[in-house]
N, C-alpha and C. Protein backbone atom coordinates (compact mmCIF):
# COMPACT_ATOMS: atom_id res chain seq x y z
N MET A 1 115.99 74.02 -27.74
CA MET A 1 116.30 74.39 -29.10
C MET A 1 115.89 73.30 -30.08
N VAL A 2 116.12 72.05 -29.70
CA VAL A 2 115.75 70.94 -30.59
C VAL A 2 114.24 70.94 -30.80
N LYS A 3 113.50 71.12 -29.71
CA LYS A 3 112.04 71.14 -29.82
C LYS A 3 111.58 72.28 -30.73
N ALA A 4 112.17 73.46 -30.56
CA ALA A 4 111.81 74.60 -31.42
C ALA A 4 112.17 74.32 -32.87
N ALA A 5 113.33 73.74 -33.11
CA ALA A 5 113.75 73.43 -34.49
C ALA A 5 112.77 72.48 -35.16
N LYS A 6 112.32 71.49 -34.41
CA LYS A 6 111.39 70.51 -34.98
C LYS A 6 109.99 71.09 -35.16
N GLU A 7 109.50 71.78 -34.13
CA GLU A 7 108.12 72.28 -34.18
C GLU A 7 107.95 73.49 -35.08
N TRP A 8 108.90 74.41 -35.06
CA TRP A 8 108.73 75.67 -35.77
C TRP A 8 109.41 75.71 -37.14
N PHE A 9 110.43 74.89 -37.33
CA PHE A 9 111.18 74.96 -38.59
C PHE A 9 111.18 73.64 -39.36
N GLY A 10 110.44 72.66 -38.88
CA GLY A 10 110.29 71.40 -39.60
C GLY A 10 111.55 70.56 -39.68
N VAL A 11 112.49 70.76 -38.78
CA VAL A 11 113.72 69.97 -38.79
C VAL A 11 113.38 68.52 -38.45
N GLU A 12 113.87 67.61 -39.27
CA GLU A 12 113.66 66.18 -39.04
C GLU A 12 114.99 65.47 -39.09
N GLU A 13 115.15 64.49 -38.22
CA GLU A 13 116.36 63.69 -38.25
C GLU A 13 116.19 62.56 -39.26
N SER A 14 117.32 62.18 -39.87
CA SER A 14 117.33 61.09 -40.84
C SER A 14 118.72 60.48 -40.84
N ASP A 15 118.97 59.58 -41.79
CA ASP A 15 120.30 58.98 -41.90
C ASP A 15 121.37 60.02 -42.20
N THR A 16 120.98 61.10 -42.87
CA THR A 16 121.96 62.12 -43.26
C THR A 16 121.82 63.43 -42.49
N ASN A 17 120.84 63.52 -41.62
CA ASN A 17 120.63 64.75 -40.84
C ASN A 17 120.44 64.37 -39.37
N LYS A 18 121.46 64.63 -38.58
CA LYS A 18 121.44 64.27 -37.17
C LYS A 18 121.53 65.52 -36.30
N ILE A 19 120.88 65.47 -35.16
CA ILE A 19 120.95 66.54 -34.17
C ILE A 19 121.76 66.02 -32.99
N PHE A 20 122.78 66.77 -32.60
CA PHE A 20 123.61 66.41 -31.46
C PHE A 20 123.51 67.52 -30.42
N VAL A 21 123.25 67.15 -29.18
CA VAL A 21 123.22 68.11 -28.09
C VAL A 21 124.34 67.72 -27.14
N GLN A 22 125.45 68.43 -27.26
CA GLN A 22 126.62 68.16 -26.42
C GLN A 22 127.62 69.28 -26.60
N ASP A 23 128.72 69.21 -25.89
CA ASP A 23 129.78 70.20 -26.01
C ASP A 23 130.32 70.15 -27.44
N GLY A 24 130.19 71.23 -28.16
CA GLY A 24 130.58 71.27 -29.57
C GLY A 24 132.06 71.07 -29.81
N VAL A 25 132.90 71.62 -28.95
CA VAL A 25 134.35 71.47 -29.12
C VAL A 25 134.74 70.01 -28.95
N VAL A 26 134.15 69.34 -27.97
CA VAL A 26 134.42 67.91 -27.75
C VAL A 26 133.91 67.10 -28.93
N PHE A 27 132.70 67.43 -29.42
CA PHE A 27 132.14 66.71 -30.56
C PHE A 27 133.06 66.82 -31.77
N VAL A 28 133.53 68.03 -32.07
CA VAL A 28 134.40 68.26 -33.23
C VAL A 28 135.69 67.45 -33.09
N ALA A 29 136.33 67.48 -31.94
CA ALA A 29 137.58 66.74 -31.73
C ALA A 29 137.36 65.24 -31.89
N ASN A 30 136.28 64.71 -31.33
CA ASN A 30 136.00 63.28 -31.44
C ASN A 30 135.64 62.88 -32.86
N ALA A 31 134.92 63.73 -33.57
CA ALA A 31 134.57 63.43 -34.96
C ALA A 31 135.81 63.37 -35.84
N VAL A 32 136.78 64.24 -35.60
CA VAL A 32 138.04 64.20 -36.35
C VAL A 32 138.76 62.88 -36.07
N LYS A 33 138.80 62.47 -34.80
CA LYS A 33 139.45 61.20 -34.44
C LYS A 33 138.79 60.01 -35.13
N ARG A 34 137.46 60.08 -35.32
CA ARG A 34 136.73 59.00 -35.98
C ARG A 34 136.84 59.08 -37.50
N GLY A 35 137.44 60.16 -38.01
CA GLY A 35 137.60 60.32 -39.46
C GLY A 35 136.31 60.68 -40.18
N GLU A 36 135.39 61.30 -39.48
CA GLU A 36 134.10 61.67 -40.09
C GLU A 36 134.27 62.84 -41.05
N LYS A 37 133.38 62.89 -42.04
CA LYS A 37 133.34 63.99 -43.01
C LYS A 37 131.90 64.47 -43.13
N TYR A 38 131.75 65.77 -43.33
CA TYR A 38 130.42 66.37 -43.44
C TYR A 38 130.35 67.27 -44.67
N LYS A 39 129.15 67.33 -45.25
CA LYS A 39 128.91 68.23 -46.37
C LYS A 39 128.74 69.66 -45.88
N SER A 40 128.25 69.81 -44.65
CA SER A 40 128.08 71.16 -44.10
C SER A 40 128.20 71.13 -42.59
N ILE A 41 128.67 72.25 -42.07
CA ILE A 41 128.73 72.48 -40.63
C ILE A 41 128.13 73.85 -40.39
N ILE A 42 127.18 73.91 -39.48
CA ILE A 42 126.59 75.19 -39.09
C ILE A 42 127.06 75.49 -37.68
N LEU A 43 127.81 76.55 -37.52
CA LEU A 43 128.31 76.94 -36.21
C LEU A 43 127.48 78.11 -35.69
N ASP A 44 126.59 77.79 -34.78
CA ASP A 44 125.70 78.78 -34.18
C ASP A 44 125.89 78.68 -32.67
N ALA A 45 127.08 79.03 -32.22
CA ALA A 45 127.44 78.93 -30.81
C ALA A 45 127.65 80.34 -30.27
N CYS A 46 126.62 80.87 -29.65
CA CYS A 46 126.64 82.27 -29.22
C CYS A 46 126.34 82.37 -27.73
N HIS A 47 126.76 83.49 -27.14
CA HIS A 47 126.41 83.79 -25.76
C HIS A 47 124.94 84.20 -25.71
N ASN A 48 124.31 83.93 -24.59
CA ASN A 48 122.92 84.35 -24.39
C ASN A 48 122.83 85.56 -23.47
N ASP A 49 123.94 86.25 -23.30
CA ASP A 49 123.94 87.39 -22.40
C ASP A 49 124.52 88.61 -23.12
N ASP A 50 124.91 89.59 -22.37
CA ASP A 50 125.45 90.81 -22.95
C ASP A 50 126.96 90.77 -23.06
N ALA A 51 127.51 89.65 -23.49
CA ALA A 51 128.96 89.53 -23.65
C ALA A 51 129.43 90.51 -24.72
N PRO A 52 130.67 90.98 -24.63
CA PRO A 52 131.16 91.94 -25.63
C PRO A 52 131.11 91.37 -27.05
N ILE A 53 131.42 90.10 -27.19
CA ILE A 53 131.32 89.44 -28.49
C ILE A 53 130.37 88.27 -28.31
N VAL A 54 129.29 88.28 -29.05
CA VAL A 54 128.23 87.31 -28.86
C VAL A 54 128.49 86.02 -29.64
N CYS A 55 128.91 86.14 -30.88
CA CYS A 55 129.10 84.98 -31.76
C CYS A 55 130.44 85.03 -32.46
N PRO A 56 131.12 83.92 -32.57
CA PRO A 56 130.93 82.70 -31.81
C PRO A 56 131.58 82.82 -30.44
N VAL A 57 131.29 81.86 -29.58
CA VAL A 57 131.93 81.86 -28.26
C VAL A 57 133.42 81.64 -28.46
N PRO A 58 134.26 82.12 -27.56
CA PRO A 58 135.72 82.07 -27.75
C PRO A 58 136.29 80.68 -28.03
N GLU A 59 135.68 79.65 -27.47
CA GLU A 59 136.21 78.29 -27.67
C GLU A 59 136.27 77.92 -29.15
N PHE A 60 135.35 78.44 -29.94
CA PHE A 60 135.31 78.10 -31.37
C PHE A 60 136.20 78.99 -32.22
N THR A 61 136.94 79.89 -31.60
CA THR A 61 137.87 80.72 -32.37
C THR A 61 139.32 80.27 -32.17
N ARG A 62 139.52 79.23 -31.39
CA ARG A 62 140.88 78.70 -31.21
C ARG A 62 141.32 78.03 -32.50
N GLU A 63 142.57 78.23 -32.87
CA GLU A 63 143.10 77.71 -34.13
C GLU A 63 142.89 76.20 -34.25
N GLU A 64 143.11 75.46 -33.18
CA GLU A 64 142.96 74.00 -33.22
C GLU A 64 141.52 73.61 -33.58
N VAL A 65 140.55 74.28 -32.99
CA VAL A 65 139.15 73.96 -33.24
C VAL A 65 138.77 74.33 -34.68
N ILE A 66 139.24 75.46 -35.16
CA ILE A 66 138.96 75.87 -36.54
C ILE A 66 139.55 74.86 -37.51
N LYS A 67 140.77 74.42 -37.26
CA LYS A 67 141.39 73.42 -38.14
C LYS A 67 140.64 72.10 -38.08
N HIS A 68 140.17 71.70 -36.89
CA HIS A 68 139.36 70.48 -36.79
C HIS A 68 138.11 70.60 -37.65
N MET A 69 137.43 71.74 -37.56
CA MET A 69 136.21 71.91 -38.37
C MET A 69 136.54 71.85 -39.85
N SER A 70 137.66 72.42 -40.25
CA SER A 70 138.09 72.35 -41.64
C SER A 70 138.32 70.91 -42.06
N ASN A 71 138.95 70.12 -41.20
CA ASN A 71 139.23 68.72 -41.51
C ASN A 71 137.98 67.87 -41.57
N LEU A 72 136.90 68.31 -40.95
CA LEU A 72 135.65 67.56 -40.97
C LEU A 72 134.87 67.75 -42.27
N LEU A 73 135.19 68.78 -43.02
CA LEU A 73 134.47 69.04 -44.26
C LEU A 73 134.96 68.13 -45.37
N ASP A 74 134.00 67.58 -46.16
CA ASP A 74 134.43 66.82 -47.33
C ASP A 74 134.92 67.78 -48.40
N ASP A 75 135.33 67.27 -49.54
CA ASP A 75 135.95 68.11 -50.57
C ASP A 75 135.07 69.27 -51.02
N ASP A 76 133.76 69.07 -51.02
CA ASP A 76 132.83 70.13 -51.43
C ASP A 76 132.11 70.74 -50.23
N GLY A 77 132.61 70.47 -49.02
CA GLY A 77 131.93 70.91 -47.81
C GLY A 77 131.95 72.41 -47.61
N GLU A 78 130.97 72.87 -46.86
CA GLU A 78 130.85 74.30 -46.56
C GLU A 78 130.58 74.48 -45.07
N ILE A 79 131.04 75.61 -44.55
CA ILE A 79 130.76 75.95 -43.16
C ILE A 79 130.02 77.27 -43.12
N LEU A 80 128.98 77.31 -42.31
CA LEU A 80 128.23 78.54 -42.06
C LEU A 80 128.57 78.96 -40.65
N LEU A 81 129.19 80.11 -40.52
CA LEU A 81 129.65 80.61 -39.23
C LEU A 81 128.88 81.87 -38.89
N LEU A 82 128.11 81.84 -37.83
CA LEU A 82 127.42 83.04 -37.39
C LEU A 82 128.39 83.86 -36.56
N LYS A 83 128.57 85.11 -36.94
CA LYS A 83 129.57 85.97 -36.32
C LYS A 83 128.96 87.34 -36.10
N ASN A 84 129.32 87.96 -34.99
CA ASN A 84 128.90 89.32 -34.73
C ASN A 84 129.57 90.21 -35.76
N LYS A 85 128.80 90.84 -36.62
CA LYS A 85 129.39 91.59 -37.74
C LYS A 85 130.05 92.91 -37.33
N TYR A 86 129.85 93.35 -36.12
CA TYR A 86 130.38 94.64 -35.72
C TYR A 86 131.72 94.56 -35.00
N LEU A 87 132.12 93.37 -34.61
CA LEU A 87 133.34 93.23 -33.83
C LEU A 87 134.27 92.21 -34.46
N PRO A 88 135.57 92.33 -34.22
CA PRO A 88 136.50 91.33 -34.75
C PRO A 88 136.24 89.97 -34.11
N LEU A 89 136.67 88.94 -34.77
CA LEU A 89 136.42 87.57 -34.35
C LEU A 89 137.46 87.13 -33.33
N HIS A 90 137.36 87.66 -32.12
CA HIS A 90 138.26 87.31 -31.02
C HIS A 90 139.72 87.34 -31.46
N GLY A 91 140.13 88.37 -32.18
CA GLY A 91 141.53 88.49 -32.60
C GLY A 91 141.79 87.93 -33.98
N PHE A 92 140.90 87.13 -34.53
CA PHE A 92 141.07 86.61 -35.88
C PHE A 92 140.41 87.57 -36.86
N GLU A 93 141.14 88.02 -37.83
CA GLU A 93 140.52 88.80 -38.90
C GLU A 93 139.89 87.81 -39.87
N ASN A 94 138.91 88.24 -40.62
CA ASN A 94 138.24 87.34 -41.55
C ASN A 94 139.20 86.69 -42.52
N SER A 95 140.21 87.43 -42.98
CA SER A 95 141.16 86.85 -43.95
C SER A 95 141.98 85.74 -43.31
N VAL A 96 142.33 85.88 -42.04
CA VAL A 96 143.08 84.83 -41.35
C VAL A 96 142.21 83.60 -41.19
N LEU A 97 140.96 83.79 -40.81
CA LEU A 97 140.04 82.68 -40.68
C LEU A 97 139.87 81.98 -42.03
N ALA A 98 139.71 82.75 -43.08
CA ALA A 98 139.56 82.16 -44.41
C ALA A 98 140.78 81.35 -44.81
N ASP A 99 141.98 81.82 -44.46
CA ASP A 99 143.20 81.08 -44.78
C ASP A 99 143.27 79.75 -44.04
N MET A 100 142.64 79.67 -42.88
CA MET A 100 142.69 78.44 -42.09
C MET A 100 141.73 77.39 -42.61
N ILE A 101 140.68 77.82 -43.29
CA ILE A 101 139.70 76.89 -43.84
C ILE A 101 140.14 76.54 -45.25
N LYS A 102 140.20 75.25 -45.54
CA LYS A 102 140.68 74.84 -46.86
C LYS A 102 139.73 75.34 -47.94
N PRO A 103 140.26 75.63 -49.13
CA PRO A 103 139.39 76.12 -50.21
C PRO A 103 138.49 75.04 -50.74
């Protein structure tokens, strides 16, 4: 994916744009512990098979993980969450998810 992002979409790493290849839930928890803040988070964690719900994977719908992602955003931060539009978000309705993310 990193190779495709760089070759096909011109993604470049810099002081403000880093690519991390690791367990996302672990990364989020560790970043919160380090007190990191981000202007944006893109959550593109989907199954590559015929799972009933493709996006996001269940690990990213746990309340603790959602709150961690919220805490990682700076005051003007935004999160882009890719979600299967035809199915509920693993039991979370959009309004509940929105309430968990700070305004």
